[in-house]
Amino acid sequence: MPPTVPVPARRVTAVAKVNEDEVLLLWRALMAFRSGRRPGCAATGGPPRSRCPLHAQCPRWQGPEDYYAVMEETPGEPERRRAAWPCTRIGNLLSPELRRIG
C-alpha cells in the first residue's frame, strides 16, 4: 500500500458583509472625493502628493484638467475619458445589490 500524503486543511477566508446603506455611503464618499473643482484625489503640496492610493495609475492626471475640459468637449467625450479612471470603474461596481466585498 502506498504511503498516504496528508491533505492540508482548507482555510476559510472571512469576507466582509455590507448592507445597502453602507454601499450607498461608500459610493457617495468615493464620488465626493473625486469630484469638484479641487478633488481630494488631486496632488497638492511640494513635492506634489495625493491622498488617493490610485493616483499614480490614474490617467486623469496625465490628460486635460477635467473641470475645464468639460466646457470644451462634445457631450460624449467626458464620459469616455472618465470611464478610464480607476475610481469610475470602482464606482460602477458599487450598487445596492452588492452584499459582500471580496
PDB file of N, CA and C in Angstrom:
ATOM      1  N   MET A   1       0.847  -1.167   0.000  1.00  0.00           N
ATOM      2  CA  MET A   1       0.000   0.000   0.000  1.00  0.00           C
ATOM      3  C   MET A   1       0.900   1.239   0.000  1.00  0.00           C
ATOM      4  N   PRO A   2       0.645   2.232  -0.910  1.00  0.00           N
ATOM      5  CA  PRO A   2       1.481   3.436  -0.953  1.00  0.00           C
ATOM      6  C   PRO A   2       1.250   4.279   0.289  1.00  0.00           C
ATOM      7  N   PRO A   3       2.287   5.047   0.678  1.00  0.00           N
ATOM      8  CA  PRO A   3       2.117   5.902   1.861  1.00  0.00           C
ATOM      9  C   PRO A   3       1.084   6.997   1.573  1.00  0.00           C
ATOM     10  N   THR A   4       0.356   7.363   2.583  1.00  0.00           N
ATOM     11  CA  THR A   4      -0.649   8.420   2.415  1.00  0.00           C
ATOM     12  C   THR A   4       0.001   9.781   2.621  1.00  0.00           C
ATOM     13  N   VAL A   5      -0.447  10.717   1.837  1.00  0.00           N
ATOM     14  CA  VAL A   5       0.051  12.087   1.915  1.00  0.00           C
ATOM     15  C   VAL A   5      -0.996  12.913   2.641  1.00  0.00           C
ATOM     16  N   PRO A   6      -0.598  13.619   3.700  1.00  0.00           N
ATOM     17  CA  PRO A   6      -1.603  14.426   4.407  1.00  0.00           C
ATOM     18  C   PRO A   6      -2.127  15.549   3.511  1.00  0.00           C
ATOM     19  N   VAL A   7      -3.402  15.751   3.579  1.00  0.00           N
ATOM     20  CA  VAL A   7      -4.059  16.805   2.800  1.00  0.00           C
ATOM     21  C   VAL A   7      -4.180  18.037   3.698  1.00  0.00           C
ATOM     22  N   PRO A   8      -3.669  19.188   3.213  1.00  0.00           N
ATOM     23  CA  PRO A   8      -3.780  20.396   4.050  1.00  0.00           C
ATOM     24  C   PRO A   8      -5.241  20.787   4.238  1.00  0.00           C
ATOM     25  N   ALA A   9      -5.535  21.273   5.416  1.00  0.00           N
ATOM     26  CA  ALA A   9      -6.897  21.720   5.719  1.00  0.00           C
ATOM     27  C   ALA A   9      -7.214  22.963   4.900  1.00  0.00           C
ATOM     28  N   ARG A  10      -8.456  23.066   4.459  1.00  0.00           N
ATOM     29  CA  ARG A  10      -8.867  24.244   3.693  1.00  0.00           C
ATOM     30  C   ARG A  10      -9.046  25.416   4.641  1.00  0.00           C
ATOM     31  N   ARG A  11      -8.473  26.536   4.249  1.00  0.00           N
ATOM     32  CA  ARG A  11      -8.622  27.747   5.053  1.00  0.00           C
ATOM     33  C   ARG A  11      -9.888  28.464   4.658  1.00  0.00           C
ATOM     34  N   VAL A  12     -10.607  28.892   5.632  1.00  0.00           N
ATOM     35  CA  VAL A  12     -11.813  29.670   5.391  1.00  0.00           C
ATOM     36  C   VAL A  12     -11.447  31.140   5.530  1.00  0.00           C
ATOM     37  N   THR A  13     -11.757  31.889   4.495  1.00  0.00           N
ATOM     38  CA  THR A  13     -11.452  33.313   4.498  1.00  0.00           C
ATOM     39  C   THR A  13     -12.706  34.094   4.867  1.00  0.00           C
ATOM     40  N   ALA A  14     -12.572  34.935   5.847  1.00  0.00           N
ATOM     41  CA  ALA A  14     -13.704  35.770   6.250  1.00  0.00           C
ATOM     42  C   ALA A  14     -13.893  36.889   5.237  1.00  0.00           C
ATOM     43  N   VAL A  15     -15.117  37.100   4.828  1.00  0.00           N
ATOM     44  CA  VAL A  15     -15.442  38.140   3.862  1.00  0.00           C
ATOM     45  C   VAL A  15     -16.392  39.126   4.534  1.00  0.00           C
ATOM     46  N   ALA A  16     -16.097  40.393   4.358  1.00  0.00           N
ATOM     47  CA  ALA A  16     -16.937  41.428   4.966  1.00  0.00           C
ATOM     48  C   ALA A  16     -18.304  41.458   4.302  1.00  0.00           C
ATOM     49  N   LYS A  17     -19.327  41.590   5.104  1.00  0.00           N
ATOM     50  CA  LYS A  17     -20.687  41.729   4.582  1.00  0.00           C
ATOM     51  C   LYS A  17     -21.124  43.174   4.798  1.00  0.00           C
ATOM     52  N   VAL A  18     -21.787  43.715   3.804  1.00  0.00           N
ATOM     53  CA  VAL A  18     -22.249  45.096   3.877  1.00  0.00           C
ATOM     54  C   VAL A  18     -23.730  45.152   3.525  1.00  0.00           C
ATOM     55  N   ASN A  19     -24.399  46.181   3.999  1.00  0.00           N
ATOM     56  CA  ASN A  19     -25.808  46.341   3.632  1.00  0.00           C
ATOM     57  C   ASN A  19     -25.932  47.465   2.596  1.00  0.00           C
ATOM     58  N   GLU A  20     -27.152  47.684   2.112  1.00  0.00           N
ATOM     59  CA  GLU A  20     -27.377  48.680   1.063  1.00  0.00           C
ATOM     60  C   GLU A  20     -26.971  50.084   1.491  1.00  0.00           C
ATOM     61  N   ASP A  21     -27.235  50.446   2.731  1.00  0.00           N
ATOM     62  CA  ASP A  21     -26.888  51.780   3.209  1.00  0.00           C
ATOM     63  C   ASP A  21     -25.384  51.995   3.229  1.00  0.00           C
ATOM     64  N   GLU A  22     -24.636  50.976   3.636  1.00  0.00           N
ATOM     65  CA  GLU A  22     -23.171  51.091   3.669  1.00  0.00           C
ATOM     66  C   GLU A  22     -22.593  51.219   2.271  1.00  0.00           C
ATOM     67  N   VAL A  23     -23.156  50.495   1.313  1.00  0.00           N
ATOM     68  CA  VAL A  23     -22.698  50.604  -0.073  1.00  0.00           C
ATOM     69  C   VAL A  23     -22.980  52.003  -0.604  1.00  0.00           C
ATOM     70  N   LEU A  24     -24.160  52.527  -0.311  1.00  0.00           N
ATOM     71  CA  LEU A  24     -24.515  53.871  -0.770  1.00  0.00           C
ATOM     72  C   LEU A  24     -23.599  54.926  -0.157  1.00  0.00           C
ATOM     73  N   LEU A  25     -23.292  54.792   1.129  1.00  0.00           N
ATOM     74  CA  LEU A  25     -22.377  55.734   1.776  1.00  0.00           C
ATOM     75  C   LEU A  25     -20.981  55.667   1.168  1.00  0.00           C
ATOM     76  N   LEU A  26     -20.510  54.461   0.886  1.00  0.00           N
ATOM     77  CA  LEU A  26     -19.196  54.301   0.259  1.00  0.00           C
ATOM     78  C   LEU A  26     -19.188  54.928  -1.126  1.00  0.00           C
ATOM     79  N   TRP A  27     -20.240  54.709  -1.904  1.00  0.00           N
ATOM     80  CA  TRP A  27     -20.329  55.285  -3.249  1.00  0.00           C
ATOM     81  C   TRP A  27     -20.338  56.804  -3.176  1.00  0.00           C
ATOM     82  N   ARG A  28     -21.133  57.362  -2.256  1.00  0.00           N
ATOM     83  CA  ARG A  28     -21.189  58.826  -2.113  1.00  0.00           C
ATOM     84  C   ARG A  28     -19.838  59.406  -1.704  1.00  0.00           C
ATOM     85  N   ALA A  29     -19.151  58.739  -0.792  1.00  0.00           N
ATOM     86  CA  ALA A  29     -17.832  59.214  -0.356  1.00  0.00           C
ATOM     87  C   ALA A  29     -16.840  59.179  -1.514  1.00  0.00           C
ATOM     88  N   LEU A  30     -16.870  58.111  -2.298  1.00  0.00           N
ATOM     89  CA  LEU A  30     -15.969  57.998  -3.446  1.00  0.00           C
ATOM     90  C   LEU A  30     -16.250  59.092  -4.463  1.00  0.00           C
ATOM     91  N   MET A  31     -17.510  59.329  -4.773  1.00  0.00           N
ATOM     92  CA  MET A  31     -17.861  60.346  -5.761  1.00  0.00           C
ATOM     93  C   MET A  31     -17.505  61.751  -5.262  1.00  0.00           C
ATOM     94  N   ALA A  32     -17.708  62.014  -3.982  1.00  0.00           N
ATOM     95  CA  ALA A  32     -17.373  63.334  -3.432  1.00  0.00           C
ATOM     96  C   ALA A  32     -15.868  63.551  -3.421  1.00  0.00           C
ATOM     97  N   PHE A  33     -15.116  62.501  -3.131  1.00  0.00           N
ATOM     98  CA  PHE A  33     -13.655  62.594  -3.066  1.00  0.00           C
ATOM     99  C   PHE A  33     -13.062  62.934  -4.425  1.00  0.00           C
ATOM    100  N   ARG A  34     -13.647  62.393  -5.492  1.00  0.00           N
ATOM    101  CA  ARG A  34     -13.067  62.575  -6.827  1.00  0.00           C
ATOM    102  C   ARG A  34     -13.701  63.705  -7.620  1.00  0.00           C
ATOM    103  N   SER A  35     -14.677  64.396  -7.068  1.00  0.00           N
ATOM    104  CA  SER A  35     -15.437  65.390  -7.817  1.00  0.00           C
ATOM    105  C   SER A  35     -15.115  66.820  -7.392  1.00  0.00           C
ATOM    106  N   GLY A  36     -15.592  67.741  -8.213  1.00  0.00           N
ATOM    107  CA  GLY A  36     -15.483  69.158  -7.884  1.00  0.00           C
ATOM    108  C   GLY A  36     -14.280  69.836  -8.506  1.00  0.00           C
ATOM    109  N   ARG A  37     -14.189  71.115  -8.246  1.00  0.00           N
ATOM    110  CA  ARG A  37     -13.101  71.909  -8.833  1.00  0.00           C
ATOM    111  C   ARG A  37     -11.758  71.516  -8.250  1.00  0.00           C
ATOM    112  N   ARG A  38     -11.710  71.202  -6.969  1.00  0.00           N
ATOM    113  CA  ARG A  38     -10.474  70.751  -6.322  1.00  0.00           C
ATOM    114  C   ARG A  38     -10.729  69.389  -5.683  1.00  0.00           C
ATOM    115  N   PRO A  39     -10.686  68.312  -6.482  1.00  0.00           N
ATOM    116  CA  PRO A  39     -10.987  66.986  -5.939  1.00  0.00           C
ATOM    117  C   PRO A  39      -9.950  66.542  -4.904  1.00  0.00           C
ATOM    118  N   GLY A  40     -10.389  65.728  -3.968  1.00  0.00           N
ATOM    119  CA  GLY A  40      -9.500  65.228  -2.925  1.00  0.00           C
ATOM    120  C   GLY A  40      -8.382  64.358  -3.451  1.00  0.00           C
ATOM    121  N   CYS A  41      -8.542  63.824  -4.652  1.00  0.00           N
ATOM    122  CA  CYS A  41      -7.515  62.944  -5.198  1.00  0.00           C
ATOM    123  C   CYS A  41      -6.408  63.716  -5.932  1.00  0.00           C
ATOM    124  N   ALA A  42      -6.562  65.013  -6.090  1.00  0.00           N
ATOM    125  CA  ALA A  42      -5.530  65.818  -6.765  1.00  0.00           C
ATOM    126  C   ALA A  42      -4.278  65.923  -5.900  1.00  0.00           C
ATOM    127  N   ALA A  43      -3.128  65.915  -6.552  1.00  0.00           N
ATOM    128  CA  ALA A  43      -1.863  66.069  -5.832  1.00  0.00           C
ATOM    129  C   ALA A  43      -1.666  67.536  -5.459  1.00  0.00           C
ATOM    130  N   THR A  44      -1.246  67.760  -4.221  1.00  0.00           N
ATOM    131  CA  THR A  44      -1.001  69.117  -3.746  1.00  0.00           C
ATOM    132  C   THR A  44       0.303  69.140  -2.960  1.00  0.00           C
ATOM    133  N   GLY A  45       0.782  70.334  -2.703  1.00  0.00           N
ATOM    134  CA  GLY A  45       1.986  70.495  -1.882  1.00  0.00           C
ATOM    135  C   GLY A  45       3.261  70.420  -2.694  1.00  0.00           C
ATOM    136  N   GLY A  46       4.356  70.407  -2.000  1.00  0.00           N
ATOM    137  CA  GLY A  46       5.648  70.333  -2.673  1.00  0.00           C
ATOM    138  C   GLY A  46       6.572  69.406  -1.893  1.00  0.00           C
ATOM    139  N   PRO A  47       6.973  68.306  -2.420  1.00  0.00           N
ATOM    140  CA  PRO A  47       6.593  67.750  -3.724  1.00  0.00           C
ATOM    141  C   PRO A  47       5.119  67.338  -3.727  1.00  0.00           C
ATOM    142  N   PRO A  48       4.507  67.373  -4.922  1.00  0.00           N
ATOM    143  CA  PRO A  48       3.076  67.060  -5.012  1.00  0.00           C
ATOM    144  C   PRO A  48       2.775  65.635  -4.542  1.00  0.00           C
ATOM    145  N   ARG A  49       1.764  65.524  -3.675  1.00  0.00           N
ATOM    146  CA  ARG A  49       1.325  64.219  -3.174  1.00  0.00           C
ATOM    147  C   ARG A  49      -0.193  64.182  -3.182  1.00  0.00           C
ATOM    148  N   SER A  50      -0.723  62.994  -3.415  1.00  0.00           N
ATOM    149  CA  SER A  50      -2.171  62.799  -3.416  1.00  0.00           C
ATOM    150  C   SER A  50      -2.563  61.882  -2.269  1.00  0.00           C
ATOM    151  N   ARG A  51      -3.765  62.113  -1.739  1.00  0.00           N
ATOM    152  CA  ARG A  51      -4.301  61.220  -0.705  1.00  0.00           C
ATOM    153  C   ARG A  51      -4.907  59.966  -1.320  1.00  0.00           C
ATOM    154  N   CYS A  52      -5.008  59.905  -2.635  1.00  0.00           N
ATOM    155  CA  CYS A  52      -5.623  58.775  -3.326  1.00  0.00           C
ATOM    156  C   CYS A  52      -4.581  57.688  -3.608  1.00  0.00           C
ATOM    157  N   PRO A  53      -4.840  56.448  -3.192  1.00  0.00           N
ATOM    158  CA  PRO A  53      -3.880  55.374  -3.464  1.00  0.00           C
ATOM    159  C   PRO A  53      -3.825  54.984  -4.935  1.00  0.00           C
ATOM    160  N   LEU A  54      -4.776  55.419  -5.737  1.00  0.00           N
ATOM    161  CA  LEU A  54      -4.807  55.088  -7.169  1.00  0.00           C
ATOM    162  C   LEU A  54      -4.204  56.184  -8.039  1.00  0.00           C
ATOM    163  N   HIS A  55      -3.732  57.254  -7.443  1.00  0.00           N
ATOM    164  CA  HIS A  55      -3.281  58.431  -8.181  1.00  0.00           C
ATOM    165  C   HIS A  55      -2.192  58.114  -9.214  1.00  0.00           C
ATOM    166  N   ALA A  56      -1.215  57.320  -8.862  1.00  0.00           N
ATOM    167  CA  ALA A  56      -0.089  57.052  -9.769  1.00  0.00           C
ATOM    168  C   ALA A  56      -0.520  56.338 -11.044  1.00  0.00           C
ATOM    169  N   GLN A  57      -1.579  55.547 -10.986  1.00  0.00           N
ATOM    170  CA  GLN A  57      -2.037  54.799 -12.158  1.00  0.00           C
ATOM    171  C   GLN A  57      -3.230  55.452 -12.851  1.00  0.00           C
ATOM    172  N   CYS A  58      -3.644  56.615 -12.391  1.00  0.00           N
ATOM    173  CA  CYS A  58      -4.846  57.244 -12.919  1.00  0.00           C
ATOM    174  C   CYS A  58      -4.531  58.115 -14.135  1.00  0.00           C
ATOM    175  N   PRO A  59      -5.173  57.830 -15.283  1.00  0.00           N
ATOM    176  CA  PRO A  59      -4.937  58.644 -16.477  1.00  0.00           C
ATOM    177  C   PRO A  59      -5.529  60.053 -16.371  1.00  0.00           C
ATOM    178  N   ARG A  60      -6.331  60.298 -15.330  1.00  0.00           N
ATOM    179  CA  ARG A  60      -6.927  61.628 -15.162  1.00  0.00           C
ATOM    180  C   ARG A  60      -5.860  62.701 -15.072  1.00  0.00           C
ATOM    181  N   TRP A  61      -4.761  62.422 -14.435  1.00  0.00           N
ATOM    182  CA  TRP A  61      -3.748  63.431 -14.169  1.00  0.00           C
ATOM    183  C   TRP A  61      -2.725  63.558 -15.285  1.00  0.00           C
ATOM    184  N   GLN A  62      -2.804  62.704 -16.311  1.00  0.00           N
ATOM    185  CA  GLN A  62      -1.939  62.856 -17.475  1.00  0.00           C
ATOM    186  C   GLN A  62      -2.661  63.568 -18.620  1.00  0.00           C
ATOM    187  N   GLY A  63      -3.970  63.733 -18.483  1.00  0.00           N
ATOM    188  CA  GLY A  63      -4.759  64.369 -19.534  1.00  0.00           C
ATOM    189  C   GLY A  63      -5.103  65.805 -19.193  1.00  0.00           C
ATOM    190  N   PRO A  64      -6.108  66.345 -19.891  1.00  0.00           N
ATOM    191  CA  PRO A  64      -6.512  67.732 -19.635  1.00  0.00           C
ATOM    192  C   PRO A  64      -7.197  67.860 -18.267  1.00  0.00           C
ATOM    193  N   GLU A  65      -7.195  69.048 -17.713  1.00  0.00           N
ATOM    194  CA  GLU A  65      -7.874  69.325 -16.444  1.00  0.00           C
ATOM    195  C   GLU A  65      -9.372  69.119 -16.650  1.00  0.00           C
ATOM    196  N   ASP A  66      -9.939  68.178 -15.926  1.00  0.00           N
ATOM    197  CA  ASP A  66     -11.335  67.775 -16.141  1.00  0.00           C
ATOM    198  C   ASP A  66     -12.307  68.923 -15.970  1.00  0.00           C
ATOM    199  N   TYR A  67     -12.112  69.737 -14.980  1.00  0.00           N
ATOM    200  CA  TYR A  67     -13.043  70.830 -14.683  1.00  0.00           C
ATOM    201  C   TYR A  67     -13.198  71.766 -15.883  1.00  0.00           C
ATOM    202  N   TYR A  68     -12.101  72.032 -16.579  1.00  0.00           N
ATOM    203  CA  TYR A  68     -12.142  72.937 -17.726  1.00  0.00           C
ATOM    204  C   TYR A  68     -12.385  72.204 -19.040  1.00  0.00           C
ATOM    205  N   ALA A  69     -11.909  70.961 -19.153  1.00  0.00           N
ATOM    206  CA  ALA A  69     -12.064  70.207 -20.395  1.00  0.00           C
ATOM    207  C   ALA A  69     -13.528  69.968 -20.727  1.00  0.00           C
ATOM    208  N   VAL A  70     -14.363  69.778 -19.715  1.00  0.00           N
ATOM    209  CA  VAL A  70     -15.786  69.525 -19.942  1.00  0.00           C
ATOM    210  C   VAL A  70     -16.436  70.665 -20.715  1.00  0.00           C
ATOM    211  N   MET A  71     -15.969  71.864 -20.513  1.00  0.00           N
ATOM    212  CA  MET A  71     -16.561  73.030 -21.174  1.00  0.00           C
ATOM    213  C   MET A  71     -16.248  73.070 -22.663  1.00  0.00           C
ATOM    214  N   GLU A  72     -15.205  72.369 -23.099  1.00  0.00           N
ATOM    215  CA  GLU A  72     -14.788  72.424 -24.497  1.00  0.00           C
ATOM    216  C   GLU A  72     -15.047  71.130 -25.253  1.00  0.00           C
ATOM    217  N   GLU A  73     -15.509  70.082 -24.574  1.00  0.00           N
ATOM    218  CA  GLU A  73     -15.698  68.781 -25.210  1.00  0.00           C
ATOM    219  C   GLU A  73     -17.132  68.583 -25.678  1.00  0.00           C
ATOM    220  N   THR A  74     -17.287  67.648 -26.605  1.00  0.00           N
ATOM    221  CA  THR A  74     -18.633  67.247 -27.025  1.00  0.00           C
ATOM    222  C   THR A  74     -19.249  66.419 -25.901  1.00  0.00           C
ATOM    223  N   PRO A  75     -20.568  66.263 -25.881  1.00  0.00           N
ATOM    224  CA  PRO A  75     -21.219  65.572 -24.762  1.00  0.00           C
ATOM    225  C   PRO A  75     -20.691  64.161 -24.448  1.00  0.00           C
ATOM    226  N   GLY A  76     -20.275  63.388 -25.425  1.00  0.00           N
ATOM    227  CA  GLY A  76     -19.816  62.021 -25.160  1.00  0.00           C
ATOM    228  C   GLY A  76     -18.378  61.903 -24.686  1.00  0.00           C
ATOM    229  N   GLU A  77     -17.573  62.902 -24.977  1.00  0.00           N
ATOM    230  CA  GLU A  77     -16.140  62.834 -24.629  1.00  0.00           C
ATOM    231  C   GLU A  77     -15.865  62.742 -23.129  1.00  0.00           C
ATOM    232  N   PRO A  78     -16.499  63.545 -22.276  1.00  0.00           N
ATOM    233  CA  PRO A  78     -16.204  63.421 -20.843  1.00  0.00           C
ATOM    234  C   PRO A  78     -16.505  62.029 -20.294  1.00  0.00           C
ATOM    235  N   GLU A  79     -17.598  61.424 -20.739  1.00  0.00           N
ATOM    236  CA  GLU A  79     -17.956  60.087 -20.260  1.00  0.00           C
ATOM    237  C   GLU A  79     -16.910  59.058 -20.665  1.00  0.00           C
ATOM    238  N   ARG A  80     -16.445  59.122 -21.901  1.00  0.00           N
ATOM    239  CA  ARG A  80     -15.408  58.172 -22.369  1.00  0.00           C
ATOM    240  C   ARG A  80     -14.109  58.377 -21.603  1.00  0.00           C
ATOM    241  N   ARG A  81     -13.732  59.628 -21.392  1.00  0.00           N
ATOM    242  CA  ARG A  81     -12.484  59.921 -20.685  1.00  0.00           C
ATOM    243  C   ARG A  81     -12.565  59.480 -19.225  1.00  0.00           C
ATOM    244  N   ARG A  82     -13.682  59.789 -18.582  1.00  0.00           N
ATOM    245  CA  ARG A  82     -13.842  59.433 -17.170  1.00  0.00           C
ATOM    246  C   ARG A  82     -13.967  57.930 -16.960  1.00  0.00           C
ATOM    247  N   ALA A  83     -14.423  57.201 -17.963  1.00  0.00           N
ATOM    248  CA  ALA A  83     -14.558  55.744 -17.841  1.00  0.00           C
ATOM    249  C   ALA A  83     -13.203  55.073 -17.627  1.00  0.00           C
ATOM    250  N   ALA A  84     -12.117  55.722 -18.000  1.00  0.00           N
ATOM    251  CA  ALA A  84     -10.780  55.155 -17.826  1.00  0.00           C
ATOM    252  C   ALA A  84     -10.233  55.368 -16.420  1.00  0.00           C
ATOM    253  N   TRP A  85     -10.865  56.205 -15.635  1.00  0.00           N
ATOM    254  CA  TRP A  85     -10.369  56.476 -14.278  1.00  0.00           C
ATOM    255  C   TRP A  85     -10.663  55.282 -13.385  1.00  0.00           C
ATOM    256  N   PRO A  86      -9.716  54.846 -12.566  1.00  0.00           N
ATOM    257  CA  PRO A  86      -9.961  53.704 -11.669  1.00  0.00           C
ATOM    258  C   PRO A  86     -11.138  53.929 -10.719  1.00  0.00           C
ATOM    259  N   CYS A  87     -11.316  55.149 -10.226  1.00  0.00           N
ATOM    260  CA  CYS A  87     -12.419  55.415  -9.290  1.00  0.00           C
ATOM    261  C   CYS A  87     -13.770  55.287  -9.982  1.00  0.00           C
ATOM    262  N   THR A  88     -13.834  55.580 -11.279  1.00  0.00           N
ATOM    263  CA  THR A  88     -15.088  55.412 -12.013  1.00  0.00           C
ATOM    264  C   THR A  88     -15.429  53.939 -12.112  1.00  0.00           C
ATOM    265  N   ARG A  89     -14.432  53.121 -12.418  1.00  0.00           N
ATOM    266  CA  ARG A  89     -14.685  51.680 -12.522  1.00  0.00           C
ATOM    267  C   ARG A  89     -15.114  51.102 -11.176  1.00  0.00           C
ATOM    268  N   ILE A  90     -14.512  51.555 -10.085  1.00  0.00           N
ATOM    269  CA  ILE A  90     -14.913  51.092  -8.754  1.00  0.00           C
ATOM    270  C   ILE A  90     -16.335  51.562  -8.451  1.00  0.00           C
ATOM    271  N   GLY A  91     -16.638  52.814  -8.745  1.00  0.00           N
ATOM    272  CA  GLY A  91     -17.976  53.344  -8.521  1.00  0.00           C
ATOM    273  C   GLY A  91     -19.038  52.594  -9.303  1.00  0.00           C
ATOM    274  N   ASN A  92     -18.705  52.147 -10.514  1.00  0.00           N
ATOM    275  CA  ASN A  92     -19.650  51.383 -11.328  1.00  0.00           C
ATOM    276  C   ASN A  92     -19.921  50.007 -10.739  1.00  0.00           C
ATOM    277  N   LEU A  93     -18.967  49.464  -9.999  1.00  0.00           N
ATOM    278  CA  LEU A  93     -19.161  48.152  -9.376  1.00  0.00           C
ATOM    279  C   LEU A  93     -20.048  48.223  -8.139  1.00  0.00           C
ATOM    280  N   LEU A  94     -20.082  49.381  -7.498  1.00  0.00           N
ATOM    281  CA  LEU A  94     -20.875  49.527  -6.280  1.00  0.00           C
ATOM    282  C   LEU A  94     -22.346  49.712  -6.635  1.00  0.00           C
ATOM    283  N   SER A  95     -23.165  48.897  -6.044  1.00  0.00           N
ATOM    284  CA  SER A  95     -24.604  49.008  -6.248  1.00  0.00           C
ATOM    285  C   SER A  95     -25.305  48.452  -5.025  1.00  0.00           C
ATOM    286  N   PRO A  96     -26.579  48.749  -4.828  1.00  0.00           N
ATOM    287  CA  PRO A  96     -27.290  48.205  -3.671  1.00  0.00           C
ATOM    288  C   PRO A  96     -27.323  46.681  -3.652  1.00  0.00           C
ATOM    289  N   GLU A  97     -27.121  46.037  -4.792  1.00  0.00           N
ATOM    290  CA  GLU A  97     -27.137  44.576  -4.853  1.00  0.00           C
ATOM    291  C   GLU A  97     -25.839  43.977  -4.279  1.00  0.00           C
ATOM    292  N   LEU A  98     -24.815  44.794  -4.087  1.00  0.00           N
ATOM    293  CA  LEU A  98     -23.548  44.307  -3.557  1.00  0.00           C
ATOM    294  C   LEU A  98     -23.733  43.934  -2.092  1.00  0.00           C
ATOM    295  N   ARG A  99     -23.452  42.691  -1.761  1.00  0.00           N
ATOM    296  CA  ARG A  99     -23.636  42.218  -0.392  1.00  0.00           C
ATOM    297  C   ARG A  99     -22.322  41.825   0.263  1.00  0.00           C
ATOM    298  N   ARG A 100     -21.331  41.471  -0.551  1.00  0.00           N
ATOM    299  CA  ARG A 100     -20.048  41.033   0.017  1.00  0.00           C
ATOM    300  C   ARG A 100     -18.913  41.731  -0.715  1.00  0.00           C
ATOM    301  N   ILE A 101     -17.922  42.159   0.048  1.00  0.00           N
ATOM    302  CA  ILE A 101     -16.717  42.734  -0.542  1.00  0.00           C
ATOM    303  C   ILE A 101     -15.643  41.660  -0.439  1.00  0.00           C
ATOM    304  N   GLY A 102     -15.112  41.273  -1.575  1.00  0.00           N
ATOM    305  CA  GLY A 102     -14.064  40.242  -1.558  1.00  0.00           C
ATOM    306  C   GLY A 102     -14.304  39.160  -2.543  1.00  0.00           C
TER     307      GLY A 102
END
